[in-house]
Amino acid sequence: METVTEILQNQNSLIIVQSGDLREFANEIARQVLSGQPAPIVTKIEPEKPLSQAEAVKFLGKSRQTLIKWRKKGIIQSYRLGGRVYFKPSELLNALKRN
């Protein structure tokens, strides 16, 4: 797994951040700049929040049938939990890049 520093150095990285987390990070940077403190080095990577099938369809901008077809062809991997199907956002992005 890449570190945050390695990810940020790669110009081809796509980073998905929730708006609340981004706002909190920006506020912290602003507080530190105004107080003269050095900027933090981010090292913690949170695990991905799995997406439901409906969320994955919206995320991809594709139809439900495309999602099912990609699962059957092995283009994307799905995960079952409590009888429901979930997907990892990073795997969906990789599938979009390949197709």
N, C-alpha and C. Protein backbone atom coordinates (compact mmCIF):
# COMPACT_ATOMS: atom_id res chain seq x y z
N MET A 1 0.85 -1.18 0.00
CA MET A 1 0.00 0.00 0.00
C MET A 1 0.89 1.24 0.00
N GLU A 2 0.53 2.21 -0.81
CA GLU A 2 1.30 3.44 -0.89
C GLU A 2 1.03 4.32 0.33
N THR A 3 2.04 5.09 0.70
CA THR A 3 1.85 6.06 1.77
C THR A 3 1.19 7.30 1.19
N VAL A 4 0.69 8.15 2.04
CA VAL A 4 0.05 9.38 1.59
C VAL A 4 1.05 10.23 0.81
N THR A 5 2.29 10.30 1.28
CA THR A 5 3.31 11.09 0.60
C THR A 5 3.52 10.58 -0.82
N GLU A 6 3.60 9.27 -1.00
CA GLU A 6 3.76 8.69 -2.33
C GLU A 6 2.56 8.98 -3.22
N ILE A 7 1.39 8.90 -2.66
CA ILE A 7 0.18 9.18 -3.43
C ILE A 7 0.16 10.64 -3.89
N LEU A 8 0.50 11.55 -2.98
CA LEU A 8 0.47 12.97 -3.32
C LEU A 8 1.55 13.34 -4.32
N GLN A 9 2.65 12.60 -4.37
CA GLN A 9 3.71 12.88 -5.33
C GLN A 9 3.35 12.37 -6.73
N ASN A 10 2.45 11.43 -6.82
CA ASN A 10 2.03 10.88 -8.10
C ASN A 10 0.97 11.78 -8.71
N GLN A 11 1.26 12.39 -9.82
CA GLN A 11 0.32 13.34 -10.44
C GLN A 11 -0.89 12.65 -11.05
N ASN A 12 -0.85 11.34 -11.19
CA ASN A 12 -1.97 10.61 -11.78
C ASN A 12 -2.91 10.02 -10.74
N SER A 13 -2.77 10.41 -9.49
CA SER A 13 -3.61 9.87 -8.43
C SER A 13 -4.95 10.60 -8.39
N LEU A 14 -5.99 9.84 -8.14
CA LEU A 14 -7.31 10.39 -7.92
C LEU A 14 -7.66 10.10 -6.48
N ILE A 15 -7.95 11.15 -5.72
CA ILE A 15 -8.23 11.01 -4.31
C ILE A 15 -9.68 11.41 -4.06
N ILE A 16 -10.43 10.53 -3.41
CA ILE A 16 -11.82 10.81 -3.09
C ILE A 16 -11.90 11.16 -1.62
N VAL A 17 -12.45 12.35 -1.34
CA VAL A 17 -12.53 12.84 0.02
C VAL A 17 -13.95 13.33 0.28
N GLN A 18 -14.47 13.00 1.43
CA GLN A 18 -15.78 13.51 1.79
C GLN A 18 -15.65 15.00 2.10
N SER A 19 -16.67 15.77 1.76
CA SER A 19 -16.60 17.23 1.90
C SER A 19 -16.34 17.66 3.34
N GLY A 20 -16.91 16.98 4.30
CA GLY A 20 -16.69 17.32 5.71
C GLY A 20 -15.24 17.12 6.12
N ASP A 21 -14.63 16.03 5.64
CA ASP A 21 -13.22 15.77 5.95
C ASP A 21 -12.32 16.81 5.30
N LEU A 22 -12.63 17.19 4.07
CA LEU A 22 -11.84 18.20 3.37
C LEU A 22 -11.95 19.55 4.07
N ARG A 23 -13.15 19.90 4.49
CA ARG A 23 -13.36 21.17 5.19
C ARG A 23 -12.58 21.19 6.50
N GLU A 24 -12.63 20.08 7.25
CA GLU A 24 -11.90 19.98 8.51
C GLU A 24 -10.39 20.10 8.28
N PHE A 25 -9.89 19.44 7.25
CA PHE A 25 -8.47 19.50 6.92
C PHE A 25 -8.06 20.93 6.55
N ALA A 26 -8.87 21.59 5.71
CA ALA A 26 -8.56 22.97 5.31
C ALA A 26 -8.57 23.91 6.51
N ASN A 27 -9.52 23.74 7.41
CA ASN A 27 -9.58 24.58 8.62
C ASN A 27 -8.35 24.37 9.49
N GLU A 28 -7.91 23.13 9.62
CA GLU A 28 -6.73 22.83 10.42
C GLU A 28 -5.48 23.46 9.80
N ILE A 29 -5.35 23.36 8.49
CA ILE A 29 -4.20 23.98 7.81
C ILE A 29 -4.24 25.49 8.02
N ALA A 30 -5.41 26.09 7.86
CA ALA A 30 -5.54 27.54 8.05
C ALA A 30 -5.16 27.94 9.48
N ARG A 31 -5.63 27.19 10.48
CA ARG A 31 -5.28 27.48 11.87
C ARG A 31 -3.77 27.41 12.08
N GLN A 32 -3.14 26.40 11.52
CA GLN A 32 -1.70 26.24 11.70
C GLN A 32 -0.91 27.32 10.98
N VAL A 33 -1.34 27.70 9.80
CA VAL A 33 -0.65 28.77 9.06
C VAL A 33 -0.76 30.08 9.82
N LEU A 34 -1.96 30.39 10.30
CA LEU A 34 -2.16 31.64 11.04
C LEU A 34 -1.40 31.67 12.36
N SER A 35 -1.19 30.51 12.97
CA SER A 35 -0.47 30.46 14.25
C SER A 35 1.04 30.26 14.06
N GLY A 36 1.48 30.06 12.81
CA GLY A 36 2.90 29.88 12.55
C GLY A 36 3.40 28.47 12.74
N GLN A 37 2.51 27.52 12.96
CA GLN A 37 2.91 26.12 13.13
C GLN A 37 3.17 25.49 11.76
N PRO A 38 4.04 24.50 11.69
CA PRO A 38 4.27 23.81 10.41
C PRO A 38 3.04 22.98 10.02
N ALA A 39 2.86 22.80 8.73
CA ALA A 39 1.74 22.00 8.23
C ALA A 39 1.91 20.55 8.65
N PRO A 40 0.81 19.87 8.96
CA PRO A 40 0.91 18.48 9.40
C PRO A 40 1.27 17.55 8.25
N ILE A 41 1.90 16.45 8.59
CA ILE A 41 2.16 15.39 7.62
C ILE A 41 1.09 14.33 7.86
N VAL A 42 0.28 14.09 6.86
CA VAL A 42 -0.82 13.14 6.99
C VAL A 42 -0.29 11.74 6.73
N THR A 43 -0.48 10.85 7.68
CA THR A 43 0.00 9.48 7.52
C THR A 43 -1.10 8.45 7.70
N LYS A 44 -2.23 8.85 8.23
CA LYS A 44 -3.30 7.91 8.50
C LYS A 44 -4.20 7.80 7.27
N ILE A 45 -4.44 6.60 6.83
CA ILE A 45 -5.34 6.36 5.71
C ILE A 45 -6.53 5.58 6.24
N GLU A 46 -7.70 6.16 6.12
CA GLU A 46 -8.92 5.50 6.58
C GLU A 46 -9.32 4.42 5.58
N PRO A 47 -9.89 3.33 6.05
CA PRO A 47 -10.38 2.31 5.12
C PRO A 47 -11.53 2.87 4.29
N GLU A 48 -11.66 2.32 3.10
CA GLU A 48 -12.72 2.78 2.21
C GLU A 48 -14.10 2.40 2.76
N LYS A 49 -15.04 3.29 2.58
CA LYS A 49 -16.42 2.98 2.92
C LYS A 49 -17.01 2.23 1.74
N PRO A 50 -17.50 1.02 1.97
CA PRO A 50 -18.08 0.27 0.85
C PRO A 50 -19.35 0.93 0.34
N LEU A 51 -19.56 0.79 -0.97
CA LEU A 51 -20.75 1.36 -1.61
C LEU A 51 -21.76 0.27 -1.89
N SER A 52 -23.03 0.58 -1.65
CA SER A 52 -24.09 -0.36 -2.01
C SER A 52 -24.20 -0.40 -3.53
N GLN A 53 -25.00 -1.31 -4.03
CA GLN A 53 -25.16 -1.42 -5.48
C GLN A 53 -25.74 -0.12 -6.05
N ALA A 54 -26.73 0.44 -5.39
CA ALA A 54 -27.33 1.70 -5.88
C ALA A 54 -26.31 2.84 -5.86
N GLU A 55 -25.50 2.90 -4.79
CA GLU A 55 -24.47 3.94 -4.70
C GLU A 55 -23.40 3.74 -5.77
N ALA A 56 -23.05 2.47 -6.04
CA ALA A 56 -22.05 2.16 -7.06
C ALA A 56 -22.52 2.58 -8.45
N VAL A 57 -23.80 2.39 -8.73
CA VAL A 57 -24.37 2.80 -10.02
C VAL A 57 -24.24 4.31 -10.18
N LYS A 58 -24.58 5.07 -9.14
CA LYS A 58 -24.44 6.53 -9.19
C LYS A 58 -22.98 6.94 -9.30
N PHE A 59 -22.12 6.28 -8.54
CA PHE A 59 -20.69 6.58 -8.52
C PHE A 59 -20.08 6.40 -9.91
N LEU A 60 -20.45 5.31 -10.58
CA LEU A 60 -19.91 5.01 -11.90
C LEU A 60 -20.56 5.81 -13.02
N GLY A 61 -21.81 6.19 -12.80
CA GLY A 61 -22.55 6.85 -13.89
C GLY A 61 -22.93 5.86 -14.97
N LYS A 62 -23.06 4.60 -14.57
CA LYS A 62 -23.42 3.52 -15.49
C LYS A 62 -24.73 2.91 -15.03
N SER A 63 -25.28 2.03 -15.85
CA SER A 63 -26.53 1.37 -15.49
C SER A 63 -26.28 0.21 -14.54
N ARG A 64 -27.34 -0.23 -13.90
CA ARG A 64 -27.26 -1.39 -13.01
C ARG A 64 -26.85 -2.62 -13.80
N GLN A 65 -27.33 -2.74 -15.04
CA GLN A 65 -26.98 -3.88 -15.89
C GLN A 65 -25.48 -3.91 -16.18
N THR A 66 -24.87 -2.73 -16.39
CA THR A 66 -23.43 -2.67 -16.63
C THR A 66 -22.67 -3.14 -15.41
N LEU A 67 -23.13 -2.72 -14.24
CA LEU A 67 -22.49 -3.13 -12.99
C LEU A 67 -22.56 -4.66 -12.84
N ILE A 68 -23.70 -5.23 -13.11
CA ILE A 68 -23.87 -6.68 -13.02
C ILE A 68 -22.99 -7.39 -14.05
N LYS A 69 -22.95 -6.87 -15.27
CA LYS A 69 -22.14 -7.46 -16.33
C LYS A 69 -20.66 -7.43 -15.94
N TRP A 70 -20.19 -6.31 -15.40
CA TRP A 70 -18.80 -6.18 -14.98
C TRP A 70 -18.48 -7.17 -13.85
N ARG A 71 -19.44 -7.39 -12.95
CA ARG A 71 -19.23 -8.37 -11.87
C ARG A 71 -19.07 -9.77 -12.45
N LYS A 72 -19.95 -10.13 -13.38
CA LYS A 72 -19.91 -11.47 -13.97
C LYS A 72 -18.64 -11.69 -14.78
N LYS A 73 -18.16 -10.65 -15.45
CA LYS A 73 -16.94 -10.77 -16.26
C LYS A 73 -15.68 -10.70 -15.41
N GLY A 74 -15.82 -10.36 -14.12
CA GLY A 74 -14.66 -10.27 -13.25
C GLY A 74 -13.92 -8.94 -13.35
N ILE A 75 -14.54 -7.95 -13.98
CA ILE A 75 -13.93 -6.62 -14.11
C ILE A 75 -13.89 -5.93 -12.76
N ILE A 76 -14.94 -6.14 -11.98
CA ILE A 76 -14.96 -5.59 -10.62
C ILE A 76 -15.31 -6.72 -9.66
N GLN A 77 -14.87 -6.55 -8.44
CA GLN A 77 -15.16 -7.54 -7.40
C GLN A 77 -16.24 -6.96 -6.50
N SER A 78 -17.13 -7.83 -6.07
CA SER A 78 -18.16 -7.41 -5.12
C SER A 78 -17.97 -8.15 -3.82
N TYR A 79 -18.56 -7.61 -2.79
CA TYR A 79 -18.44 -8.19 -1.45
C TYR A 79 -19.84 -8.32 -0.87
N ARG A 80 -20.14 -9.46 -0.28
CA ARG A 80 -21.46 -9.69 0.31
C ARG A 80 -21.38 -9.54 1.82
N LEU A 81 -22.38 -8.85 2.32
CA LEU A 81 -22.50 -8.67 3.76
C LEU A 81 -23.98 -8.66 4.10
N GLY A 82 -24.41 -9.63 4.87
CA GLY A 82 -25.82 -9.70 5.26
C GLY A 82 -26.77 -9.81 4.08
N GLY A 83 -26.36 -10.52 3.05
CA GLY A 83 -27.22 -10.70 1.88
C GLY A 83 -27.23 -9.52 0.92
N ARG A 84 -26.46 -8.49 1.22
CA ARG A 84 -26.38 -7.32 0.34
C ARG A 84 -25.02 -7.30 -0.35
N VAL A 85 -24.95 -6.65 -1.51
CA VAL A 85 -23.73 -6.58 -2.30
C VAL A 85 -23.12 -5.20 -2.15
N TYR A 86 -21.80 -5.15 -1.93
CA TYR A 86 -21.09 -3.89 -1.78
C TYR A 86 -19.86 -3.87 -2.68
N PHE A 87 -19.37 -2.67 -2.95
CA PHE A 87 -18.22 -2.48 -3.81
C PHE A 87 -17.25 -1.49 -3.18
N LYS A 88 -15.96 -1.63 -3.50
CA LYS A 88 -14.95 -0.68 -3.05
C LYS A 88 -14.81 0.42 -4.10
N PRO A 89 -14.86 1.69 -3.68
CA PRO A 89 -14.73 2.79 -4.64
C PRO A 89 -13.45 2.72 -5.47
N SER A 90 -12.33 2.34 -4.87
CA SER A 90 -11.07 2.28 -5.62
C SER A 90 -11.15 1.24 -6.74
N GLU A 91 -11.81 0.13 -6.49
CA GLU A 91 -11.96 -0.90 -7.52
C GLU A 91 -12.89 -0.43 -8.64
N LEU A 92 -13.91 0.34 -8.28
CA LEU A 92 -14.80 0.90 -9.30
C LEU A 92 -14.06 1.89 -10.18
N LEU A 93 -13.21 2.72 -9.57
CA LEU A 93 -12.42 3.68 -10.35
C LEU A 93 -11.46 2.96 -11.30
N ASN A 94 -10.83 1.91 -10.81
CA ASN A 94 -9.92 1.14 -11.68
C ASN A 94 -10.67 0.52 -12.86
N ALA A 95 -11.89 0.04 -12.61
CA ALA A 95 -12.70 -0.53 -13.68
C ALA A 95 -13.06 0.54 -14.71
N LEU A 96 -13.36 1.73 -14.25
CA LEU A 96 -13.67 2.83 -15.18
C LEU A 96 -12.47 3.16 -16.05
N LYS A 97 -11.29 3.16 -15.46
CA LYS A 97 -10.07 3.47 -16.21
C LYS A 97 -9.81 2.42 -17.30
N ARG A 98 -10.12 1.15 -16.97
CA ARG A 98 -9.85 0.07 -17.92
C ARG A 98 -10.91 -0.04 -19.01
N ASN A 99 -12.11 0.46 -18.76
CA ASN A 99 -13.20 0.26 -19.72
C ASN A 99 -13.64 1.56 -20.33
